[in-house]
Amino acid sequence: MSTQAQIAVSDRVQRRCTRAGFGLIGAGIALGGLGLLLIDGGRTTSYRLDQTVESSWTVGTLPVVVTLSALAALAGIALLVLPDTRLPRFGGVTIGAGIAALVIGALSWTVTPGVGFPIEFVLATTLFLSLPFIFGALSGVVAERSGVINLGIEGQFLAGAFTAALLASVSGNAYVGMLAATISGVCSTLLLAWLATRFQVNQVVTGIILNLLALGLTGFLYERLMRADGSLNQPVGVRKLGDSLGFLPDIPILGPVLFDQNIFVYVALACVFVVSFLLFRTRWGLRTRAVGEHPAAADAAGINVNRLRFWNVTAAGALSGFGGAFFTIANNVSFSKNMTAGLGFVALAVMIVGRWHPFGVLTAALLFGFSSALQRFLNTMPGNPIPTEFLGMLPYVVTLVVVAGFIGRAVAPAADGIPYTPGDK
C-alpha cells in the first residue's frame, strides 16, 4: 500500500473513531443521567443461567446502570485521546466495549424485576438467528470481491426456502431439502452472473428484478402446489446435535451456545473459516481479489476476468441458497409467502458492516442476531415496557444505527459493480 493510501486509511479510521467517541460519551451521559432521575434506588435486576445449571445473580439496577454508563463514556474518551498509531489496533475493540456497556446497562434497566435475564437462551439464540446473515453476507462477499454486486440475496433466500420445504416434504429427508436449496441458489444467480458478465447490464437493477421474480414465482408455486396439497409443505426438520456430544452441552454458557445447535450452525462457522482461507491464502483468492480491485491488471496477467466473475457469482448463490433453507428446515416450519421478510437486504448491511471480510461478517452477523434474540426475549417477558411494534423494528433500527453511526465510510472493492470489457484500461 502506498504512503498516500495509508494516510487516507488512517484519516478514515480517525474520523470513524472520533465520531464513535462523541457518540459513546453522549449516550453514556444520557443513559446515566436518566438512570439517576428515573430508577428507584431499591430496584434490582437478576441474571440467570437457564439451560445448564439453575443459578442466578441479583444486583442493584441503579449502580449497574450508572457504572456501565460511565464505562461507555470512558470508552468514548479513550477513542478521542488514543494516539493515531493505536487507533487501527484498539479503536474497534474500544468501540465494541463501549457499545456492550451501553447495551448491558440498558438491559439491566429494561428487564422486569424478579424475571431474570436468561443468559444462555439469549446467547444460543443469538448464534442461531445470525445464520441467515452469515450465509447471505458471505454470498455478498464472494460476489463483490469479484466485482459483481449481488443484490439478489433476498430472492435467493426465498428460492432456497421454497425448494428446501418442497423437496424435504416430498423426500421425507431434510438433507435432500438442504441440497435442493443450494442448487436453487446456484440457479437463481446464474441469470445475474450471465447478464452481468456477458451483457454488462446494470447489476443493481438486475438484482432488484430477480428479487421480485423470486417473490412472484415462489408465491405462485406456493398457491398452486402447497396450498392445493398440504403434504408438499411439511418439511422434515433437523435435530440438535447435543445428544451425541456427551457432556459438552452441559458446560455452562458454552454448552448451549456451541454444543447444542443443529448442523446449520456448524456449516455456517465452517463457511466463515473456509471462505476466509480461500480468499486470503489461495491462488483463487488472489485472482478473485484482483478482478474485484484491478480487473485490467488481472486481464493483463492472463486472468479471464468475466469467466472468473461468472463462476464466483454462481458459487456465491450456493451460499445464499443454502441460507434460505434456514427459514424452513432449520426452524422446522412450513414455507409461507415472503417469509424472509427483507433479511436478505439486512445481510447486505451485515456485509458492509463486516467490511467485505468473512470474520468481519461473522462479528456483524452476531450483532444483528443478538438484536433479534433480544426481541424474542422481550416480547415474551412479563411486564415488558417496550411496545411490541417497536421490538419488531429492532433489527432494522440496529442496521441503520450501526451503518450510519459507527462504521463510517465503508470502502467496497474498487471495481465492485463496474462491468469489464477485455482490453479496457
Protein backbone atom coordinates (compact mmCIF):
# COMPACT_ATOMS: atom_id res chain seq x y z
CA MET A 1 0.00 0.00 0.00
CA SER A 2 1.36 3.42 -0.93
CA THR A 3 2.07 6.12 1.65
CA GLN A 4 -0.81 8.21 0.28
CA ALA A 5 -3.21 5.26 0.62
CA GLN A 6 -2.00 4.60 4.17
CA ILE A 7 -2.66 8.24 5.10
CA ALA A 8 -6.17 8.02 3.59
CA VAL A 9 -6.94 4.85 5.57
CA SER A 10 -5.58 6.44 8.75
CA ASP A 11 -7.76 9.51 8.22
CA ARG A 12 -10.88 7.34 7.76
CA VAL A 13 -10.11 5.38 10.93
CA GLN A 14 -9.54 8.57 12.88
CA ARG A 15 -12.79 10.14 11.69
CA ARG A 16 -14.74 6.98 12.49
CA CYS A 17 -13.25 6.73 15.98
CA THR A 18 -13.84 10.43 16.66
CA ARG A 19 -17.48 10.13 15.65
CA ALA A 20 -17.91 6.97 17.71
CA GLY A 21 -16.14 8.59 20.67
CA PHE A 22 -18.51 11.54 20.82
CA GLY A 23 -21.45 9.18 20.31
CA LEU A 24 -20.41 6.95 23.23
CA ILE A 25 -19.81 9.93 25.50
CA GLY A 26 -23.24 11.37 24.69
CA ALA A 27 -25.03 8.03 25.04
CA GLY A 28 -23.24 7.23 28.30
CA ILE A 29 -24.13 10.59 29.83
CA ALA A 30 -27.74 10.30 28.65
CA LEU A 31 -28.23 6.76 29.98
CA GLY A 32 -26.54 7.51 33.30
CA GLY A 33 -28.43 10.78 33.77
CA LEU A 34 -31.80 9.21 33.00
CA GLY A 35 -30.98 6.34 35.34
CA LEU A 36 -30.24 8.72 38.22
CA LEU A 37 -33.51 10.54 37.58
CA LEU A 38 -35.87 7.64 36.93
CA ILE A 39 -34.59 4.41 38.53
CA ASP A 40 -35.79 3.58 42.01
CA GLY A 41 -32.81 3.07 44.32
CA GLY A 42 -34.27 -0.19 45.65
CA ARG A 43 -34.84 -1.79 42.25
CA THR A 44 -32.87 -4.95 41.40
CA THR A 45 -32.02 -6.90 38.22
CA SER A 46 -31.39 -10.63 38.01
CA TYR A 47 -29.24 -12.56 35.52
CA ARG A 48 -29.51 -16.34 35.37
CA LEU A 49 -28.15 -19.44 33.71
CA ASP A 50 -31.30 -21.06 32.44
CA GLN A 51 -30.29 -24.18 30.46
CA THR A 52 -27.41 -25.90 32.26
CA VAL A 53 -27.41 -25.10 35.97
CA GLU A 54 -30.02 -23.17 37.90
CA SER A 55 -28.01 -20.21 39.05
CA SER A 56 -28.77 -16.51 39.20
CA TRP A 57 -27.24 -13.24 40.33
CA THR A 58 -29.20 -10.25 41.63
CA VAL A 59 -27.68 -6.77 41.54
CA GLY A 60 -28.88 -3.27 42.18
CA THR A 61 -30.17 -1.77 38.94
CA LEU A 62 -29.10 1.83 39.58
CA PRO A 63 -25.43 1.09 40.42
CA VAL A 64 -25.12 -1.19 37.40
CA VAL A 65 -26.65 1.36 35.00
CA VAL A 66 -24.56 4.25 36.30
CA THR A 67 -21.33 2.22 36.33
CA LEU A 68 -21.81 0.89 32.80
CA SER A 69 -22.81 4.34 31.54
CA ALA A 70 -19.57 5.71 32.98
CA LEU A 71 -17.57 2.91 31.31
CA ALA A 72 -19.21 3.70 27.96
CA ALA A 73 -18.32 7.38 28.35
CA LEU A 74 -14.75 6.46 29.31
CA ALA A 75 -14.52 4.30 26.18
CA GLY A 76 -15.60 7.32 24.16
CA ILE A 77 -12.96 9.50 25.83
CA ALA A 78 -10.34 6.83 25.13
CA LEU A 79 -11.21 6.96 21.43
CA LEU A 80 -10.60 10.72 21.43
CA VAL A 81 -7.25 10.61 23.24
CA LEU A 82 -5.70 7.44 21.79
CA PRO A 83 -2.70 8.20 19.54
CA ASP A 84 -3.42 7.84 15.83
CA THR A 85 -0.99 4.94 15.62
CA ARG A 86 -3.05 2.97 18.15
CA LEU A 87 -6.48 3.55 16.64
CA PRO A 88 -6.32 0.87 13.90
CA ARG A 89 -5.48 -1.79 16.50
CA PHE A 90 -7.52 -0.71 19.53
CA GLY A 91 -10.23 1.52 18.06
CA GLY A 92 -12.62 -1.28 17.07
CA VAL A 93 -12.19 -3.09 20.41
CA THR A 94 -12.84 0.11 22.33
CA ILE A 95 -15.96 0.88 20.31
CA GLY A 96 -17.23 -2.67 20.87
CA ALA A 97 -16.59 -2.43 24.62
CA GLY A 98 -18.44 0.88 24.84
CA ILE A 99 -21.43 -0.42 22.92
CA ALA A 100 -21.51 -3.57 25.07
CA ALA A 101 -21.54 -1.46 28.23
CA LEU A 102 -24.45 0.60 26.92
CA VAL A 103 -26.43 -2.47 25.87
CA ILE A 104 -25.95 -4.29 29.19
CA GLY A 105 -26.79 -1.14 31.10
CA ALA A 106 -29.99 -0.60 29.10
CA LEU A 107 -30.93 -4.27 29.52
CA SER A 108 -30.42 -4.10 33.28
CA TRP A 109 -32.95 -1.28 33.33
CA THR A 110 -35.38 -2.93 30.92
CA VAL A 111 -35.58 -6.42 32.47
CA THR A 112 -38.59 -6.74 34.74
CA PRO A 113 -37.56 -7.14 38.41
CA GLY A 114 -37.89 -10.75 39.52
CA VAL A 115 -37.91 -12.16 35.96
CA GLY A 116 -34.21 -12.59 35.37
CA PHE A 117 -32.30 -12.24 32.14
CA PRO A 118 -31.73 -15.73 30.58
CA ILE A 119 -28.08 -15.50 29.55
CA GLU A 120 -27.78 -18.92 27.92
CA PHE A 121 -31.05 -18.67 26.00
CA VAL A 122 -30.17 -15.27 24.56
CA LEU A 123 -26.60 -16.21 23.60
CA ALA A 124 -27.61 -19.52 21.99
CA THR A 125 -30.46 -17.82 20.14
CA THR A 126 -28.09 -15.05 19.03
CA LEU A 127 -25.84 -17.54 17.25
CA PHE A 128 -28.79 -19.38 15.71
CA LEU A 129 -30.53 -16.24 14.46
CA SER A 130 -27.29 -14.91 12.98
CA LEU A 131 -27.23 -17.78 10.46
CA PRO A 132 -29.14 -16.14 7.57
CA PHE A 133 -26.96 -13.05 7.92
CA ILE A 134 -23.80 -15.16 7.81
CA PHE A 135 -24.82 -17.11 4.71
CA GLY A 136 -26.24 -14.08 2.90
CA ALA A 137 -23.33 -11.79 3.74
CA LEU A 138 -20.74 -14.43 2.76
CA SER A 139 -22.54 -14.74 -0.56
CA GLY A 140 -22.22 -10.99 -0.97
CA VAL A 141 -18.53 -11.09 -0.02
CA VAL A 142 -17.67 -13.71 -2.66
CA ALA A 143 -19.62 -11.87 -5.37
CA GLU A 144 -18.49 -8.35 -4.57
CA ARG A 145 -14.87 -9.32 -4.01
CA SER A 146 -15.16 -10.46 -7.63
CA GLY A 147 -16.60 -7.11 -8.75
CA VAL A 148 -20.30 -8.04 -9.06
CA ILE A 149 -22.99 -6.61 -6.77
CA ASN A 150 -25.24 -9.41 -5.53
CA LEU A 151 -28.39 -7.51 -4.66
CA GLY A 152 -30.48 -10.63 -5.24
CA ILE A 153 -29.76 -12.30 -1.88
CA GLU A 154 -33.36 -11.80 -0.77
CA GLY A 155 -34.63 -13.67 -3.82
CA GLN A 156 -32.03 -16.40 -3.36
CA PHE A 157 -33.20 -16.82 0.23
CA LEU A 158 -36.79 -17.19 -0.95
CA ALA A 159 -35.87 -19.70 -3.66
CA GLY A 160 -33.84 -21.73 -1.18
CA ALA A 161 -36.56 -21.68 1.47
CA PHE A 162 -39.21 -22.80 -1.03
CA THR A 163 -37.24 -25.60 -2.66
CA ALA A 164 -35.96 -26.82 0.72
CA ALA A 165 -39.50 -27.10 2.05
CA LEU A 166 -40.83 -28.72 -1.11
CA LEU A 167 -38.09 -31.33 -1.60
CA ALA A 168 -37.78 -32.11 2.11
CA SER A 169 -41.54 -32.72 2.20
CA VAL A 170 -41.54 -34.91 -0.90
CA SER A 171 -38.50 -36.97 0.08
CA GLY A 172 -39.02 -37.02 3.84
CA ASN A 173 -35.33 -36.12 4.20
CA ALA A 174 -34.08 -32.76 5.45
CA TYR A 175 -30.71 -33.18 3.77
CA VAL A 176 -32.34 -33.56 0.37
CA GLY A 177 -34.09 -30.25 1.02
CA MET A 178 -30.80 -28.61 2.00
CA LEU A 179 -29.15 -29.84 -1.20
CA ALA A 180 -32.11 -28.62 -3.24
CA ALA A 181 -31.88 -25.20 -1.60
CA THR A 182 -28.20 -24.99 -2.51
CA ILE A 183 -28.89 -25.90 -6.14
CA SER A 184 -31.77 -23.42 -6.35
CA GLY A 185 -29.45 -20.69 -5.09
CA VAL A 186 -26.97 -21.55 -7.81
CA CYS A 187 -29.70 -21.50 -10.46
CA SER A 188 -31.11 -18.19 -9.24
CA THR A 189 -27.71 -16.48 -9.53
CA LEU A 190 -26.89 -17.92 -12.96
CA LEU A 191 -29.01 -15.25 -14.63
CA LEU A 192 -27.36 -12.47 -12.62
CA ALA A 193 -23.90 -13.84 -13.42
CA TRP A 194 -24.71 -14.21 -17.11
CA LEU A 195 -26.28 -10.77 -17.53
CA ALA A 196 -23.54 -9.05 -15.51
CA THR A 197 -20.62 -10.63 -17.38
CA ARG A 198 -21.98 -11.29 -20.86
CA PHE A 199 -24.23 -8.28 -21.45
CA GLN A 200 -22.85 -5.93 -18.75
CA VAL A 201 -26.31 -4.86 -17.59
CA ASN A 202 -26.85 -2.70 -14.52
CA GLN A 203 -26.27 -5.08 -11.62
CA VAL A 204 -28.41 -3.18 -9.11
CA VAL A 205 -31.44 -3.18 -11.39
CA THR A 206 -30.89 -6.85 -12.24
CA GLY A 207 -30.70 -7.80 -8.57
CA ILE A 208 -33.93 -5.98 -7.75
CA ILE A 209 -35.73 -7.60 -10.68
CA LEU A 210 -34.52 -11.06 -9.64
CA ASN A 211 -35.81 -10.43 -6.11
CA LEU A 212 -39.24 -9.54 -7.47
CA LEU A 213 -39.14 -12.55 -9.78
CA ALA A 214 -38.37 -14.89 -6.88
CA LEU A 215 -41.10 -13.30 -4.77
CA GLY A 216 -43.69 -13.73 -7.50
CA LEU A 217 -42.60 -17.19 -8.59
CA THR A 218 -42.44 -18.70 -5.09
CA GLY A 219 -45.80 -17.10 -4.28
CA PHE A 220 -47.35 -18.55 -7.43
CA LEU A 221 -45.93 -22.04 -6.82
CA TYR A 222 -46.98 -21.88 -3.18
CA GLU A 223 -50.58 -21.22 -4.21
CA ARG A 224 -50.63 -23.84 -6.96
CA LEU A 225 -48.72 -26.61 -5.18
CA MET A 226 -48.55 -26.21 -1.42
CA ARG A 227 -51.98 -24.69 -0.82
CA ALA A 228 -53.51 -27.37 -3.02
CA ASP A 229 -51.67 -30.23 -1.31
CA GLY A 230 -50.58 -29.60 2.28
CA SER A 231 -48.31 -32.64 2.27
CA LEU A 232 -45.95 -30.71 0.00
CA ASN A 233 -45.34 -28.16 2.72
CA GLN A 234 -44.46 -30.28 5.72
CA PRO A 235 -40.66 -30.20 5.65
CA VAL A 236 -38.68 -32.51 7.88
CA GLY A 237 -36.51 -30.52 10.27
CA VAL A 238 -33.03 -31.26 11.63
CA ARG A 239 -32.43 -32.07 15.26
CA LYS A 240 -29.85 -30.52 17.54
CA LEU A 241 -26.61 -32.43 17.89
CA GLY A 242 -26.29 -32.04 21.66
CA ASP A 243 -27.46 -35.60 22.41
CA SER A 244 -24.50 -37.05 20.52
CA LEU A 245 -21.82 -34.83 22.10
CA GLY A 246 -21.78 -36.30 25.60
CA PHE A 247 -21.15 -33.87 28.44
CA LEU A 248 -20.30 -30.88 26.20
CA PRO A 249 -23.84 -29.42 26.06
CA ASP A 250 -23.88 -29.31 29.88
CA ILE A 251 -20.97 -26.89 30.12
CA PRO A 252 -22.35 -23.59 31.47
CA ILE A 253 -22.82 -20.94 28.77
CA LEU A 254 -20.54 -22.60 26.19
CA GLY A 255 -22.60 -25.81 26.13
CA PRO A 256 -25.92 -24.36 24.92
CA VAL A 257 -24.20 -21.82 22.65
CA LEU A 258 -21.73 -24.08 20.82
CA PHE A 259 -22.64 -27.71 21.51
CA ASP A 260 -26.43 -27.82 21.48
CA GLN A 261 -27.14 -26.47 18.00
CA ASN A 262 -28.16 -28.05 14.70
CA ILE A 263 -25.99 -28.65 11.65
CA PHE A 264 -26.70 -25.23 10.14
CA VAL A 265 -24.64 -23.54 12.87
CA TYR A 266 -21.58 -25.68 12.22
CA VAL A 267 -21.87 -25.30 8.46
CA ALA A 268 -22.06 -21.51 8.84
CA LEU A 269 -19.00 -21.34 11.09
CA ALA A 270 -17.10 -23.67 8.76
CA CYS A 271 -18.04 -21.47 5.78
CA VAL A 272 -16.59 -18.40 7.53
CA PHE A 273 -13.23 -20.12 8.00
CA VAL A 274 -13.21 -21.74 4.55
CA VAL A 275 -14.12 -18.57 2.65
CA SER A 276 -11.53 -16.58 4.62
CA PHE A 277 -8.84 -19.16 3.88
CA LEU A 278 -9.74 -19.34 0.20
CA LEU A 279 -9.85 -15.56 -0.22
CA PHE A 280 -6.57 -14.75 1.52
CA ARG A 281 -4.47 -17.90 1.33
CA THR A 282 -5.04 -19.41 -2.11
CA ARG A 283 -4.35 -18.61 -5.74
CA TRP A 284 -8.08 -18.46 -6.43
CA GLY A 285 -8.50 -15.86 -3.70
CA LEU A 286 -5.67 -13.73 -5.06
CA ARG A 287 -7.23 -13.82 -8.53
CA THR A 288 -10.69 -13.06 -7.13
CA ARG A 289 -9.46 -10.03 -5.25
CA ALA A 290 -7.53 -8.92 -8.31
CA VAL A 291 -10.57 -8.93 -10.61
CA GLY A 292 -12.54 -7.08 -7.93
CA GLU A 293 -9.94 -4.37 -7.43
CA HIS A 294 -7.99 -4.06 -10.69
CA PRO A 295 -9.62 -6.10 -13.47
CA ALA A 296 -7.44 -4.53 -16.19
CA ALA A 297 -4.27 -5.61 -14.36
CA ALA A 298 -5.74 -9.07 -13.83
CA ASP A 299 -6.58 -9.26 -17.53
CA ALA A 300 -3.04 -8.24 -18.42
CA ALA A 301 -1.77 -11.04 -16.18
CA GLY A 302 -3.75 -13.58 -18.20
CA ILE A 303 -6.83 -13.95 -15.98
CA ASN A 304 -10.17 -14.27 -17.77
CA VAL A 305 -11.96 -11.63 -15.70
CA ASN A 306 -15.54 -12.24 -16.78
CA ARG A 307 -15.28 -16.02 -16.62
CA LEU A 308 -13.95 -15.88 -13.06
CA ARG A 309 -16.68 -13.41 -12.11
CA PHE A 310 -19.33 -15.67 -13.63
CA TRP A 311 -18.31 -18.76 -11.65
CA ASN A 312 -17.73 -16.83 -8.44
CA VAL A 313 -21.19 -15.26 -8.53
CA THR A 314 -22.65 -18.69 -9.23
CA ALA A 315 -20.79 -20.14 -6.24
CA ALA A 316 -22.00 -17.22 -4.13
CA GLY A 317 -25.55 -18.27 -4.95
CA ALA A 318 -24.90 -21.66 -3.37
CA LEU A 319 -24.20 -19.95 -0.03
CA SER A 320 -27.33 -17.79 -0.07
CA GLY A 321 -29.46 -20.65 -1.39
CA PHE A 322 -28.34 -22.87 1.48
CA GLY A 323 -29.06 -19.96 3.81
CA GLY A 324 -32.63 -19.98 2.50
CA ALA A 325 -33.08 -23.47 3.97
CA PHE A 326 -32.62 -21.86 7.39
CA PHE A 327 -36.09 -20.32 7.16
CA THR A 328 -37.83 -23.68 6.76
CA ILE A 329 -35.70 -26.72 7.61
CA ALA A 330 -33.52 -25.21 10.36
CA ASN A 331 -36.59 -23.75 12.07
CA ASN A 332 -38.77 -26.80 11.29
CA VAL A 333 -41.56 -24.64 9.87
CA SER A 334 -43.57 -24.64 6.65
CA PHE A 335 -42.92 -22.25 3.80
CA SER A 336 -45.04 -19.10 3.58
CA LYS A 337 -45.07 -16.19 1.17
CA ASN A 338 -42.30 -13.63 1.65
CA MET A 339 -41.18 -15.40 4.81
CA THR A 340 -37.67 -13.97 4.52
CA ALA A 341 -39.12 -10.56 5.44
CA GLY A 342 -36.30 -8.49 3.95
CA LEU A 343 -33.48 -10.26 5.81
CA GLY A 344 -31.60 -10.62 2.54
CA PHE A 345 -31.20 -6.86 2.46
CA VAL A 346 -30.10 -6.88 6.10
CA ALA A 347 -27.48 -9.45 5.06
CA LEU A 348 -26.12 -6.86 2.63
CA ALA A 349 -25.83 -4.40 5.53
CA VAL A 350 -24.02 -7.10 7.52
CA MET A 351 -21.57 -7.48 4.63
CA ILE A 352 -20.89 -3.74 4.64
CA VAL A 353 -20.53 -3.57 8.42
CA GLY A 354 -18.16 -6.53 8.17
CA ARG A 355 -16.19 -4.64 5.51
CA TRP A 356 -16.28 -7.45 2.96
CA HIS A 357 -14.26 -9.77 5.23
CA PRO A 358 -15.57 -13.19 6.39
CA PHE A 359 -14.64 -12.66 10.04
CA GLY A 360 -15.99 -9.14 9.98
CA VAL A 361 -19.20 -10.63 8.60
CA LEU A 362 -19.32 -13.11 11.49
CA THR A 363 -18.95 -10.32 14.05
CA ALA A 364 -21.59 -8.14 12.39
CA ALA A 365 -23.98 -11.10 11.98
CA LEU A 366 -23.71 -11.86 15.70
CA LEU A 367 -24.64 -8.24 16.45
CA PHE A 368 -27.76 -8.48 14.31
CA GLY A 369 -28.53 -11.95 15.68
CA PHE A 370 -28.32 -10.53 19.19
CA SER A 371 -30.83 -7.81 18.35
CA SER A 372 -33.23 -10.49 17.04
CA ALA A 373 -32.71 -12.71 20.10
CA LEU A 374 -33.29 -9.75 22.37
CA GLN A 375 -36.51 -9.01 20.52
CA ARG A 376 -37.72 -12.58 21.15
CA PHE A 377 -36.94 -12.43 24.85
CA LEU A 378 -38.50 -9.03 25.45
CA ASN A 379 -41.65 -9.99 23.52
CA THR A 380 -42.29 -12.81 26.00
CA MET A 381 -41.06 -11.05 29.15
CA PRO A 382 -43.84 -10.32 31.69
CA GLY A 383 -44.27 -6.60 32.25
CA ASN A 384 -42.32 -5.66 29.13
CA PRO A 385 -42.33 -1.82 28.98
CA ILE A 386 -41.40 -1.63 25.27
CA PRO A 387 -44.23 -1.79 22.69
CA THR A 388 -44.23 -4.96 20.59
CA GLU A 389 -44.34 -2.92 17.39
CA PHE A 390 -41.08 -1.21 18.27
CA LEU A 391 -39.43 -4.52 19.11
CA GLY A 392 -40.36 -5.76 15.65
CA MET A 393 -38.36 -2.86 14.22
CA LEU A 394 -35.34 -3.52 16.43
CA PRO A 395 -33.14 -5.44 13.92
CA TYR A 396 -33.74 -2.78 11.27
CA VAL A 397 -33.11 0.09 13.69
CA VAL A 398 -29.83 -1.57 14.64
CA THR A 399 -28.99 -1.78 10.92
CA LEU A 400 -29.46 1.97 10.45
CA VAL A 401 -27.64 2.95 13.65
CA VAL A 402 -24.63 0.74 13.02
CA VAL A 403 -24.26 1.52 9.31
CA ALA A 404 -24.81 5.27 9.68
CA GLY A 405 -23.33 5.91 13.09
CA PHE A 406 -20.37 3.70 13.84
CA ILE A 407 -18.68 2.16 10.82
CA GLY A 408 -18.17 5.39 8.93
CA ARG A 409 -17.50 5.25 5.23
CA ALA A 410 -17.05 1.63 4.21
CA VAL A 411 -14.96 1.23 1.06
CA ALA A 412 -16.09 -1.51 -1.31
CA PRO A 413 -13.72 -3.27 -3.73
CA ALA A 414 -12.64 -0.72 -6.32
CA ALA A 415 -14.27 -2.43 -9.31
CA ASP A 416 -17.43 -3.50 -7.48
CA GLY A 417 -20.41 -3.14 -9.80
CA ILE A 418 -18.32 -1.97 -12.75
CA PRO A 419 -18.64 -4.16 -15.88
CA TYR A 420 -15.41 -5.09 -17.58
CA THR A 421 -14.72 -5.44 -21.29
CA PRO A 422 -11.50 -7.30 -22.14
CA GLY A 423 -8.88 -4.80 -23.24
CA ASP A 424 -10.23 -1.91 -21.13
CA LYS A 425 -7.67 0.17 -19.28
